[in-house]
Amino acid sequence: ALWGFIFGALALIGVCGYSGMLIYAWYHDCDPLTTKLAGAKDQLLPLLVMDILGDYPGLPGLFVAGVFSAAL
């Protein structure tokens, strides 16, 4: 059970770190907080999803469904 927890925790830390680096790389020339595209730091990942996947129908909704199911 301990090894399963360690693997899961490392996977979660890796995904969070990768998403942070992806947000940094995508918005390296334009800060969405100073341009008021995002109101707070916790709105950066949904803004990135809408910027990248906003043109594809259903994919932003799939992201929202994944966030809600993970919160349960």
Protein backbone atom coordinates (compact mmCIF):
# COMPACT_ATOMS: atom_id res chain seq x y z
CA ALA A 1 0.00 0.00 0.00
CA LEU A 2 2.89 2.33 0.74
CA TRP A 3 4.43 1.84 -2.70
CA GLY A 4 1.07 2.55 -4.32
CA PHE A 5 0.79 5.78 -2.37
CA ILE A 6 4.33 6.80 -3.29
CA PHE A 7 3.68 6.12 -6.98
CA GLY A 8 0.39 8.05 -6.90
CA ALA A 9 1.88 11.00 -5.03
CA LEU A 10 4.82 11.23 -7.43
CA ALA A 11 2.48 11.02 -10.41
CA LEU A 12 0.32 13.83 -8.99
CA ILE A 13 3.34 16.02 -8.28
CA GLY A 14 4.65 15.36 -11.78
CA VAL A 15 1.35 16.28 -13.46
CA CYS A 16 1.03 19.46 -11.39
CA GLY A 17 4.61 20.46 -12.15
CA TYR A 18 4.18 19.75 -15.85
CA SER A 19 0.98 21.79 -16.04
CA GLY A 20 2.72 24.69 -14.29
CA MET A 21 5.59 24.57 -16.78
CA LEU A 22 3.09 24.38 -19.64
CA ILE A 23 1.26 27.48 -18.37
CA TYR A 24 4.57 29.30 -18.00
CA ALA A 25 5.68 28.35 -21.51
CA TRP A 26 2.35 29.25 -23.11
CA TYR A 27 2.09 32.69 -21.48
CA HIS A 28 5.81 33.58 -21.39
CA ASP A 29 5.34 36.79 -23.36
CA CYS A 30 1.96 37.91 -21.97
CA ASP A 31 1.01 37.77 -18.29
CA PRO A 32 -2.73 37.01 -18.09
CA LEU A 33 -2.94 38.41 -14.56
CA THR A 34 -1.72 41.88 -15.51
CA THR A 35 -3.81 41.98 -18.70
CA LYS A 36 -6.89 40.93 -16.67
CA LEU A 37 -7.52 37.80 -18.75
CA ALA A 38 -7.55 35.89 -15.47
CA GLY A 39 -8.71 37.36 -12.19
CA ALA A 40 -6.64 35.11 -9.92
CA LYS A 41 -3.84 32.56 -10.11
CA ASP A 42 -6.28 29.66 -9.79
CA GLN A 43 -7.91 30.66 -13.08
CA LEU A 44 -4.79 30.13 -15.18
CA LEU A 45 -5.31 26.44 -15.97
CA PRO A 46 -8.94 26.87 -17.15
CA LEU A 47 -7.80 29.86 -19.23
CA LEU A 48 -5.10 27.72 -20.83
CA VAL A 49 -7.60 24.95 -21.57
CA MET A 50 -9.96 27.43 -23.22
CA ASP A 51 -7.11 28.98 -25.23
CA ILE A 52 -5.87 25.63 -26.53
CA LEU A 53 -9.05 23.53 -26.71
CA GLY A 54 -11.71 26.24 -27.07
CA ASP A 55 -12.09 25.65 -30.81
CA TYR A 56 -12.92 21.97 -30.41
CA PRO A 57 -16.52 21.28 -29.35
CA GLY A 58 -16.86 19.16 -26.25
CA LEU A 59 -13.24 19.13 -25.07
CA PRO A 60 -13.50 22.05 -22.61
CA GLY A 61 -16.61 20.39 -21.18
CA LEU A 62 -14.72 17.12 -20.85
CA PHE A 63 -12.04 19.00 -18.90
CA VAL A 64 -14.67 20.49 -16.57
CA ALA A 65 -16.26 17.07 -16.08
CA GLY A 66 -12.85 15.63 -15.22
CA VAL A 67 -12.22 18.37 -12.66
CA PHE A 68 -15.62 17.83 -11.04
CA SER A 69 -15.21 14.05 -10.94
CA ALA A 70 -11.74 14.41 -9.41
CA ALA A 71 -13.17 16.70 -6.74
CA LEU A 72 -15.61 14.02 -5.65
